[in-house]
Protein backbone atom coordinates (compact mmCIF):
# COMPACT_ATOMS: atom_id res chain seq x y z
CA MET A 1 123.59 56.08 94.00
CA GLY A 2 121.76 56.71 90.69
CA GLY A 3 118.38 56.36 92.46
CA GLN A 4 119.39 58.88 95.11
CA ASN A 5 120.47 61.37 92.44
CA ALA A 6 117.16 60.94 90.62
CA ARG A 7 115.16 61.50 93.81
CA ALA A 8 117.26 64.58 94.63
CA GLN A 9 116.61 65.96 91.13
CA GLU A 10 112.86 65.32 91.47
CA SER A 11 112.85 67.10 94.85
CA SER A 12 114.72 70.06 93.35
CA ASP A 13 112.27 70.24 90.42
CA GLU A 14 109.31 70.18 92.82
CA ARG A 15 110.74 73.04 94.85
CA ARG A 16 111.27 75.13 91.73
CA SER A 17 107.75 74.47 90.43
CA ALA A 18 106.25 75.47 93.77
CA GLY A 19 107.59 79.00 93.38
CA PRO A 20 109.54 81.15 95.84
CA ALA A 21 108.81 80.49 99.50
CA VAL A 22 108.49 84.27 100.05
CA LEU A 23 104.93 84.10 98.67
CA GLU A 24 103.98 81.98 101.69
CA LEU A 25 104.71 85.02 103.86
CA ILE A 26 101.79 87.01 102.46
CA GLY A 27 99.23 87.63 105.20
CA ASN A 28 99.18 86.78 108.92
CA THR A 29 100.63 90.20 109.65
CA PRO A 30 101.08 91.38 113.27
CA LEU A 31 98.52 93.45 115.17
CA ILE A 32 100.02 95.83 117.74
CA GLU A 33 98.47 98.24 120.23
CA LEU A 34 99.48 101.89 119.96
CA THR A 35 100.29 103.14 123.45
CA ARG A 36 102.01 106.49 122.83
CA PHE A 37 99.04 108.31 121.26
CA ASP A 38 96.05 109.86 123.03
CA ALA A 39 93.21 107.57 121.97
CA GLY A 40 90.69 108.92 124.47
CA PRO A 41 88.83 106.09 126.23
CA CYS A 42 89.65 103.64 123.45
CA ARG A 43 92.32 101.06 122.75
CA LEU A 44 93.74 101.55 119.27
CA PHE A 45 95.43 98.74 117.35
CA LEU A 46 97.50 98.87 114.17
CA LYS A 47 97.68 95.95 111.76
CA LEU A 48 101.14 95.98 110.19
CA GLU A 49 100.38 95.23 106.55
CA SER A 50 103.78 96.78 105.88
CA GLN A 51 105.22 93.43 107.01
CA ASN A 52 103.99 91.60 103.92
CA PRO A 53 106.93 90.53 101.72
CA GLY A 54 106.14 93.17 99.09
CA GLY A 55 105.72 95.80 101.79
CA SER A 56 101.98 96.49 101.64
CA ILE A 57 98.43 95.23 102.08
CA LYS A 58 98.19 94.93 98.29
CA ASP A 59 100.30 91.75 98.30
CA ARG A 60 97.11 89.98 99.37
CA ILE A 61 95.11 91.01 96.32
CA GLY A 62 98.05 90.53 93.96
CA ALA A 63 98.24 86.87 94.89
CA CYS A 64 94.47 86.37 94.96
CA MET A 65 93.78 87.98 91.56
CA ILE A 66 96.58 86.13 89.80
CA GLU A 67 95.68 82.74 91.28
CA ALA A 68 92.02 83.23 90.35
CA ALA A 69 92.98 84.18 86.79
CA GLU A 70 95.08 81.02 86.54
CA ARG A 71 92.20 78.83 87.75
CA GLU A 72 89.85 80.49 85.24
CA GLN A 73 92.40 80.10 82.40
CA ARG A 74 92.46 83.85 81.82
CA LEU A 75 96.19 83.78 82.55
CA VAL A 76 98.32 81.04 81.06
CA ALA A 77 102.03 80.26 80.98
CA GLY A 78 103.98 83.00 79.23
CA GLY A 79 101.11 85.46 79.63
CA THR A 80 101.19 89.18 80.38
CA ILE A 81 99.56 90.98 83.31
CA VAL A 82 98.49 94.61 82.87
CA GLU A 83 97.29 96.90 85.66
CA ALA A 84 96.67 100.53 86.62
CA THR A 85 98.13 101.17 90.04
CA ALA A 86 99.11 103.80 92.57
CA GLY A 87 102.17 101.64 93.13
CA ASN A 88 101.38 99.11 95.84
CA THR A 89 99.01 96.91 93.85
CA GLY A 90 101.62 96.93 91.11
CA LEU A 91 104.29 95.84 93.57
CA GLY A 92 102.08 93.05 94.89
CA LEU A 93 101.27 91.90 91.36
CA ALA A 94 104.91 92.18 90.26
CA LEU A 95 106.11 90.14 93.23
CA VAL A 96 103.76 87.27 92.37
CA ALA A 97 104.03 87.66 88.59
CA ARG A 98 107.81 87.45 88.52
CA ALA A 99 107.74 84.48 90.89
CA LYS A 100 105.44 82.71 88.44
CA GLY A 101 107.25 83.79 85.28
CA TYR A 102 104.75 86.27 83.85
CA ARG A 103 105.48 89.51 82.03
CA ILE A 104 103.92 92.52 83.79
CA ILE A 105 103.06 96.00 82.47
CA LEU A 106 101.99 98.68 84.95
CA VAL A 107 100.55 102.16 84.40
CA VAL A 108 101.13 104.60 87.27
CA PRO A 109 100.21 108.28 87.79
CA ASP A 110 103.11 110.73 87.83
CA LYS A 111 102.59 111.73 91.48
CA MET A 112 103.86 108.37 92.70
CA SER A 113 107.03 108.29 94.78
CA THR A 114 110.36 107.59 93.09
CA GLU A 115 110.96 104.67 95.46
CA LYS A 116 107.85 102.83 94.25
CA ILE A 117 108.74 103.27 90.59
CA LEU A 118 112.34 102.12 91.15
CA GLN A 119 111.16 99.05 93.05
CA LEU A 120 108.65 98.17 90.32
CA ARG A 121 111.40 98.31 87.70
CA ALA A 122 113.78 96.36 89.94
CA LEU A 123 111.16 93.59 90.02
CA GLY A 124 111.18 93.53 86.23
CA ALA A 125 107.93 95.39 85.61
CA GLU A 126 107.49 97.56 82.52
CA VAL A 127 106.31 100.89 83.91
CA HIS A 128 104.31 103.48 81.95
CA ILE A 129 104.00 106.84 83.75
CA THR A 130 100.98 108.95 82.92
CA ARG A 131 99.28 112.14 84.08
CA SER A 132 97.73 112.50 87.54
CA ASP A 133 95.91 115.76 86.75
CA VAL A 134 93.20 114.25 84.53
CA GLY A 135 90.01 112.38 85.41
CA LYS A 136 88.28 109.19 84.38
CA GLY A 137 87.44 109.19 80.67
CA HIS A 138 90.57 111.08 79.62
CA PRO A 139 92.90 108.93 77.46
CA GLU A 140 95.83 109.71 79.79
CA TYR A 141 93.90 108.75 82.95
CA TYR A 142 95.84 105.83 84.38
CA GLN A 143 92.96 103.33 84.42
CA ASP A 144 91.85 104.15 80.86
CA TYR A 145 95.48 104.05 79.74
CA ALA A 146 95.97 100.58 81.28
CA ALA A 147 92.76 99.23 79.76
CA ARG A 148 93.98 100.41 76.35
CA VAL A 149 97.37 98.73 76.84
CA ALA A 150 95.61 95.50 77.83
CA ARG A 151 93.46 95.56 74.69
CA GLN A 152 96.50 96.15 72.51
CA THR A 153 98.63 93.41 74.11
CA PRO A 154 97.97 89.87 72.77
CA GLY A 155 97.10 87.39 75.51
CA ALA A 156 97.07 90.04 78.23
CA PHE A 157 95.22 89.63 81.52
CA PHE A 158 93.93 93.00 82.77
CA ALA A 159 93.93 92.63 86.57
CA ASP A 160 91.53 95.61 86.88
CA GLN A 161 91.54 95.83 90.68
CA PHE A 162 88.71 98.39 90.59
CA ASN A 163 86.28 95.86 89.15
CA ASN A 164 87.86 92.50 90.02
CA PRO A 165 85.77 90.53 92.58
CA ASN A 166 88.89 88.73 93.76
CA ASN A 167 90.14 92.01 95.20
CA PRO A 168 87.57 92.13 98.05
CA ALA A 169 87.61 88.32 98.24
CA ALA A 170 91.25 88.46 99.37
CA HIS A 171 90.27 90.55 102.40
CA GLU A 172 87.09 88.61 103.11
CA GLN A 173 89.06 85.37 103.16
CA SER A 174 92.26 86.50 104.92
CA THR A 175 92.41 90.02 106.39
CA GLY A 176 89.02 89.83 108.11
CA PRO A 177 89.51 86.42 109.77
CA GLU A 178 92.99 87.47 110.94
CA ILE A 179 91.69 90.63 112.64
CA TRP A 180 88.81 88.71 114.23
CA ALA A 181 91.20 86.11 115.66
CA GLN A 182 93.84 88.64 116.75
CA THR A 183 91.29 90.74 118.65
CA ALA A 184 89.86 87.61 120.33
CA HIS A 185 86.43 88.46 118.86
CA ALA A 186 86.35 91.75 120.81
CA LEU A 187 86.18 94.57 118.28
CA HIS A 188 84.03 97.68 117.88
CA ALA A 189 85.34 99.58 114.86
CA ILE A 190 87.71 99.37 111.88
CA VAL A 191 89.16 102.48 110.23
CA CYS A 192 89.79 102.05 106.48
CA GLY A 193 90.81 104.11 103.51
CA VAL A 194 89.45 103.44 100.04
CA GLY A 195 91.40 103.30 96.81
CA SER A 196 89.88 100.48 94.80
CA GLY A 197 87.44 99.64 97.61
CA GLY A 198 88.61 96.06 98.02
CA THR A 199 89.65 96.26 101.68
CA ILE A 200 86.49 97.89 103.03
CA THR A 201 84.25 95.67 100.90
CA GLY A 202 85.92 92.39 101.87
CA LEU A 203 85.99 93.32 105.56
CA THR A 204 82.35 94.46 105.46
CA ARG A 205 81.30 91.12 104.03
CA PHE A 206 83.28 89.15 106.61
CA PHE A 207 82.10 91.13 109.65
CA ARG A 208 78.52 91.15 108.44
CA ARG A 209 78.66 87.45 109.25
CA ALA A 210 81.09 87.50 112.18
CA ASP A 211 79.65 90.49 114.09
CA PRO A 212 77.35 92.98 112.31
CA ARG A 213 77.83 95.47 115.18
CA VAL A 214 81.39 96.28 114.04
CA GLU A 215 81.40 99.82 112.65
CA PHE A 216 83.44 100.97 109.68
CA ILE A 217 85.05 104.39 109.70
CA LEU A 218 86.21 105.94 106.42
CA ALA A 219 89.49 107.87 106.32
CA ASP A 220 89.61 109.95 103.16
CA PRO A 221 92.05 112.60 101.87
CA VAL A 222 90.75 116.14 101.47
CA GLY A 223 90.05 116.44 97.74
CA SER A 224 88.60 112.94 97.38
CA ILE A 225 84.86 112.66 96.77
CA LEU A 226 84.32 109.52 98.86
CA ALA A 227 83.81 110.97 102.35
CA GLU A 228 81.06 113.29 101.15
CA TYR A 229 79.52 110.47 99.12
CA THR A 230 79.15 108.31 102.24
CA ARG A 231 77.57 111.22 104.12
CA SER A 232 75.13 112.51 101.51
CA GLY A 233 75.13 110.13 98.55
CA ARG A 234 76.32 113.01 96.41
CA VAL A 235 79.31 112.76 94.08
CA GLY A 236 81.00 116.13 94.33
CA GLU A 237 83.83 117.70 92.39
CA ALA A 238 87.23 116.19 93.13
CA GLY A 239 90.23 118.22 94.15
CA SER A 240 93.85 117.11 94.39
CA TRP A 241 95.82 115.45 97.15
CA ALA A 242 99.37 114.22 97.69
CA VAL A 243 98.63 111.14 99.83
CA GLU A 244 99.15 108.04 97.71
CA GLY A 245 96.96 104.97 97.35
CA ILE A 246 93.64 106.15 98.81
CA GLY A 247 90.98 108.64 97.81
CA GLU A 248 89.22 108.76 94.45
CA ASP A 249 87.49 111.11 92.04
CA PHE A 250 84.80 108.48 91.35
CA VAL A 251 82.98 105.78 93.30
CA PRO A 252 84.73 102.43 92.70
CA ALA A 253 82.35 99.80 91.34
CA ILE A 254 83.28 97.16 93.91
CA ALA A 255 83.18 99.47 96.94
CA ASP A 256 80.61 98.60 99.63
CA PHE A 257 80.07 101.56 101.97
CA SER A 258 77.03 100.08 103.72
CA GLY A 259 78.94 99.53 106.96
CA VAL A 260 80.40 103.06 107.14
CA ARG A 261 79.13 104.98 110.18
CA ARG A 262 81.52 107.95 110.11
CA ALA A 263 83.76 109.52 107.51
CA TYR A 264 86.65 111.90 108.12
CA SER A 265 88.37 114.11 105.55
CA ILE A 266 92.06 114.41 106.42
CA SER A 267 94.39 116.99 104.89
CA ASP A 268 97.75 116.06 103.37
CA GLU A 269 99.50 118.11 106.04
CA GLU A 270 97.81 116.23 108.88
CA SER A 271 98.37 112.86 107.18
CA PHE A 272 102.10 113.43 106.76
CA SER A 273 102.48 114.88 110.24
CA VAL A 274 100.76 111.89 111.86
CA ALA A 275 102.80 109.41 109.79
CA ARG A 276 106.01 111.09 110.98
CA GLU A 277 104.76 111.09 114.58
CA LEU A 278 103.97 107.36 114.31
CA LEU A 279 107.63 106.73 113.55
CA ARG A 280 108.87 108.93 116.39
CA ALA A 281 106.37 107.71 118.98
CA GLU A 282 105.92 104.03 118.16
CA GLY A 283 108.88 103.22 115.90
CA VAL A 284 106.60 102.24 112.99
CA LEU A 285 107.81 103.47 109.59
CA ALA A 286 104.68 103.57 107.43
CA GLY A 287 103.43 105.29 104.30
CA SER A 288 101.41 108.43 103.71
CA SER A 289 98.00 106.71 103.67
CA THR A 290 98.73 105.24 107.09
CA GLY A 291 98.94 108.82 108.36
CA THR A 292 95.45 109.46 106.93
CA LEU A 293 94.01 106.35 108.56
CA LEU A 294 95.66 106.96 111.91
CA ALA A 295 94.57 110.62 111.98
CA ALA A 296 90.96 109.55 111.35
CA ALA A 297 91.21 106.75 113.92
CA LEU A 298 92.49 109.17 116.57
CA ARG A 299 89.65 111.61 115.85
CA TYR A 300 87.11 108.80 116.15
CA CYS A 301 88.63 107.42 119.36
CA ARG A 302 88.78 110.83 121.05
CA GLU A 303 85.10 111.48 120.25
CA GLN A 304 83.95 108.35 122.07
CA THR A 305 82.46 108.46 125.57
CA LYS A 306 82.75 104.73 126.23
CA PRO A 307 85.77 102.41 125.81
CA LYS A 308 86.04 100.80 122.40
CA ARG A 309 88.54 98.55 120.66
CA VAL A 310 89.49 100.03 117.30
CA VAL A 311 91.69 98.63 114.51
CA THR A 312 93.36 100.47 111.65
CA PHE A 313 96.20 99.67 109.24
CA ALA A 314 99.81 100.44 108.44
CA CYS A 315 98.95 100.06 104.76
CA ASP A 316 102.51 100.00 103.48
CA THR A 317 106.10 100.60 104.47
CA GLY A 318 107.45 104.10 104.82
CA THR A 319 110.63 103.18 102.97
CA ARG A 320 108.67 104.08 99.81
CA TYR A 321 108.29 107.68 100.99
CA LEU A 322 111.78 108.58 102.20
CA SER A 323 112.06 111.13 99.40
CA LYS A 324 108.70 112.66 100.32
CA VAL A 325 107.00 112.30 103.71
CA TYR A 326 110.27 111.69 105.58
CA ASN A 327 112.30 114.25 103.63
CA ASP A 328 112.31 117.58 105.49
CA ASN A 329 113.30 119.50 102.35
CA TRP A 330 110.40 118.06 100.33
CA MET A 331 108.00 118.73 103.20
CA LYS A 332 109.17 122.37 103.37
CA ASP A 333 108.98 122.78 99.59
CA GLN A 334 105.36 121.61 99.69
CA GLY A 335 104.53 123.86 102.64
CA PHE A 336 103.83 120.97 105.02
CA LEU A 337 106.64 121.94 107.40
CA LYS A 338 106.40 125.58 108.36
CA ARG A 339 109.31 128.00 108.70
CA PRO A 340 109.38 131.33 110.51
CA ILE A 341 108.55 134.13 108.09
CA GLN A 342 111.44 136.60 107.85
CA GLY A 343 109.73 139.09 105.56
CA ASP A 344 112.73 139.38 103.23
CA LEU A 345 114.68 137.41 100.61
CA ARG A 346 115.55 134.71 103.14
CA ASP A 347 111.98 133.44 102.67
CA PHE A 348 112.87 132.50 99.07
CA VAL A 349 115.84 130.32 100.10
CA ALA A 350 114.71 126.69 99.83
CA ARG A 351 117.88 125.13 101.28
CA ARG A 352 119.11 127.22 104.18
CA PHE A 353 122.73 127.16 105.27
CA GLU A 354 121.98 127.57 108.97
CA GLU A 355 119.76 124.45 108.82
CA GLY A 356 122.58 122.39 107.32
CA ALA A 357 120.56 121.93 104.13
CA VAL A 358 123.10 123.43 101.69
CA VAL A 359 125.35 121.03 99.80
CA CYS A 360 128.68 122.83 99.74
CA ALA A 361 132.45 122.40 99.57
CA GLY A 362 135.46 123.94 101.24
CA PRO A 363 138.23 125.74 99.31
CA ASP A 364 140.63 122.85 99.93
CA ASP A 365 138.23 120.09 98.87
CA THR A 366 139.25 118.38 95.65
CA LEU A 367 137.31 118.72 92.43
CA GLN A 368 136.64 114.97 92.69
CA THR A 369 134.84 115.65 95.99
CA VAL A 370 132.94 118.55 94.43
CA PHE A 371 131.82 116.39 91.50
CA GLN A 372 130.70 113.54 93.77
CA ARG A 373 128.62 115.89 95.90
CA MET A 374 126.99 117.41 92.82
CA ARG A 375 126.17 113.99 91.45
CA LEU A 376 124.81 112.58 94.74
CA ALA A 377 122.63 115.64 95.35
CA ASP A 378 121.60 115.93 91.66
CA ILE A 379 122.65 119.58 91.48
CA SER A 380 124.71 121.51 88.93
CA GLN A 381 126.43 124.01 91.20
CA LEU A 382 127.42 124.50 94.82
CA PRO A 383 128.84 127.24 97.01
CA VAL A 384 132.35 127.13 98.43
CA ILE A 385 132.25 128.00 102.12
CA GLU A 386 135.00 129.06 104.50
CA ASP A 387 134.36 129.95 108.16
CA GLY A 388 130.62 130.21 107.51
CA ARG A 389 130.98 132.67 104.64
CA ILE A 390 130.68 132.09 100.91
CA VAL A 391 134.01 132.62 99.12
CA GLY A 392 133.16 131.16 95.73
CA LEU A 393 130.71 129.34 93.52
CA ILE A 394 131.52 126.35 91.36
CA ASP A 395 129.34 124.78 88.68
CA GLU A 396 129.58 122.05 86.05
CA SER A 397 131.14 124.35 83.46
CA ASP A 398 133.87 125.37 85.92
CA LEU A 399 134.61 121.70 86.59
CA LEU A 400 134.63 120.77 82.92
CA LEU A 401 136.88 123.66 81.99
CA ARG A 402 139.39 122.60 84.65
CA VAL A 403 139.52 118.83 84.03
CA GLN A 404 138.69 118.40 80.34
CA ALA A 405 142.28 118.87 79.18
CA ASP A 406 143.73 116.76 82.00
CA PRO A 407 141.57 114.49 84.20
CA ALA A 408 144.41 114.55 86.75
CA HIS A 409 143.07 117.98 87.69
CA PHE A 410 140.26 116.19 89.57
CA HIS A 411 142.81 116.25 92.38
CA ALA A 412 143.08 120.04 92.22
CA THR A 413 141.29 122.14 94.86
CA ALA A 414 137.89 123.77 94.60
CA ALA A 415 139.60 127.13 95.11
CA SER A 416 141.46 126.64 91.84
CA ALA A 417 138.28 126.36 89.77
CA MET A 418 135.63 128.36 91.61
CA THR A 419 134.22 131.70 90.52
CA GLN A 420 135.23 134.33 93.07
CA SER A 421 133.53 137.32 91.49
CA LEU A 422 130.20 136.99 93.31
CA GLU A 423 127.17 139.25 93.14
CA MET A 424 125.45 138.94 96.49
CA LEU A 425 122.06 140.20 97.60
CA ARG A 426 121.42 141.32 101.14
CA PRO A 427 118.21 139.87 102.63
CA ASP A 428 116.57 143.32 102.46
CA ALA A 429 117.43 143.85 98.76
CA GLY A 430 113.84 143.21 97.68
CA LEU A 431 112.07 141.09 95.07
CA PRO A 432 112.88 143.31 92.02
CA ALA A 433 116.61 142.90 92.73
CA LEU A 434 116.18 139.14 93.02
CA GLN A 435 114.29 139.01 89.72
CA ARG A 436 117.01 141.03 87.95
CA VAL A 437 119.68 138.53 89.05
CA LEU A 438 117.61 135.54 88.00
CA ASP A 439 116.64 137.16 84.68
CA SER A 440 120.36 137.55 83.91
CA GLY A 441 120.77 133.78 84.09
CA LEU A 442 122.60 133.74 87.41
CA VAL A 443 121.78 132.09 90.70
CA ALA A 444 121.07 134.59 93.48
CA ILE A 445 123.37 134.47 96.52
CA ILE A 446 121.63 135.71 99.66
CA ALA A 447 124.24 136.91 102.14
CA ASP A 448 125.43 139.85 104.18
CA SER A 449 128.78 140.78 105.67
CA GLU A 450 128.35 138.29 108.50
CA HIS A 451 126.28 135.40 107.18
CA PHE A 452 125.63 133.27 104.11
CA TYR A 453 121.96 132.29 104.04
CA GLY A 454 121.69 130.28 100.84
CA LEU A 455 121.06 130.32 97.10
CA VAL A 456 117.88 131.15 95.20
CA THR A 457 117.20 129.69 91.75
CA ARG A 458 114.32 130.25 89.36
CA VAL A 459 112.75 127.02 90.61
CA ASP A 460 112.93 128.29 94.19
CA LEU A 461 111.15 131.49 93.17
CA LEU A 462 108.46 129.55 91.30
CA ASN A 463 107.95 127.22 94.25
CA HIS A 464 107.65 130.15 96.66
CA LEU A 465 105.06 131.80 94.43
CA ARG A 466 103.14 128.52 94.10
CA ARG A 467 102.96 128.09 97.87
CA THR A 468 102.02 131.74 98.39
CA PHE A 469 99.21 131.92 95.86
CA ALA A 470 97.94 128.30 95.77
């Protein structure tokens, strides 16, 4: 019996030292054909990198860079990993790092989605958020910031995906051979985006040996300098873009563009629209950069006069963009979903009642219900609606005044605490009238005798002006 217990303990120790089995799921992702899009004479395939355990193609390089650093003794037990990331590389690194017991510090630009940052922290990463409106060389630029953190952290390994040769090696050794096998050696073109340049470089190296005739097509966000660089060799002035994970304001050191035959610049609006259509048409929930790649792939396919087999990527899962790409309110706020122009104050209403976008309460709802809705929607006030008309407004101060003396008043009705003396603006009241209400510190209520249209805050006015004059 003692021998059996000892063997069982040894087996348990071996399993623990091997690390979580989830790491074995990195790679060997499915390749599916898209059949609900017009791909011209071509057959278009999508490699679902979103099916990696960390949810993106970057799991591959996370594992490869960490394992190489371990072999080279640049990362030892108890060490710290530091990286600059748009989110997905950080998630891939954090997945592997936590499985192996390393501390991890990540620097991310402030345009990254909330979902990515929350997931990074849930994995135990220390996240530093820095500016996204500055370029390389500025101390707040995320790569320079991360390099500084690495220098200041004893025993740190700076993963440095933009210069790490194990980044492209991961794709040369795994992604490329998988695509080649899954397409049965019948492939004409691959559509890639470039962030660090690891994917396109690793695939270029692999297919240079496997079949040099395979063309590479670059999908690049409008604002990035990379598409123009591949066309003319000129590094232009960078703009801004909302798509995450691809596009750059410099040419990554490890990027190999020698196989690129075409380059397409895709707007944020088209990227997000195509990503949303991918979900509706094919049932694939993917991230914003997937929309960029698919938009470019569709353009390329439709331009062809002969049948070709084309592969592109679902770079990451769309669950990281539910608050952005798949959020109608965010898309409208950014101007990516268009509304009919009314030509009056209704155009300033960000959350419209007739669209079901207004968080509201009824007069008989309890103050507990009102508070919960405020908290869930992260708002400080809401209208009280009866039969489609606004009958009151209730904010945090109204709630506090009612329940502070006796928390039992949470069971009282909204009608008992709401403000009923309302100053409403008709849609045709004009901008000066709206500004006077907002300047007085109030929220503007846009309504007429028949309809409540919504509220306008200072932020709504600023956002409208930004969209109008951007």
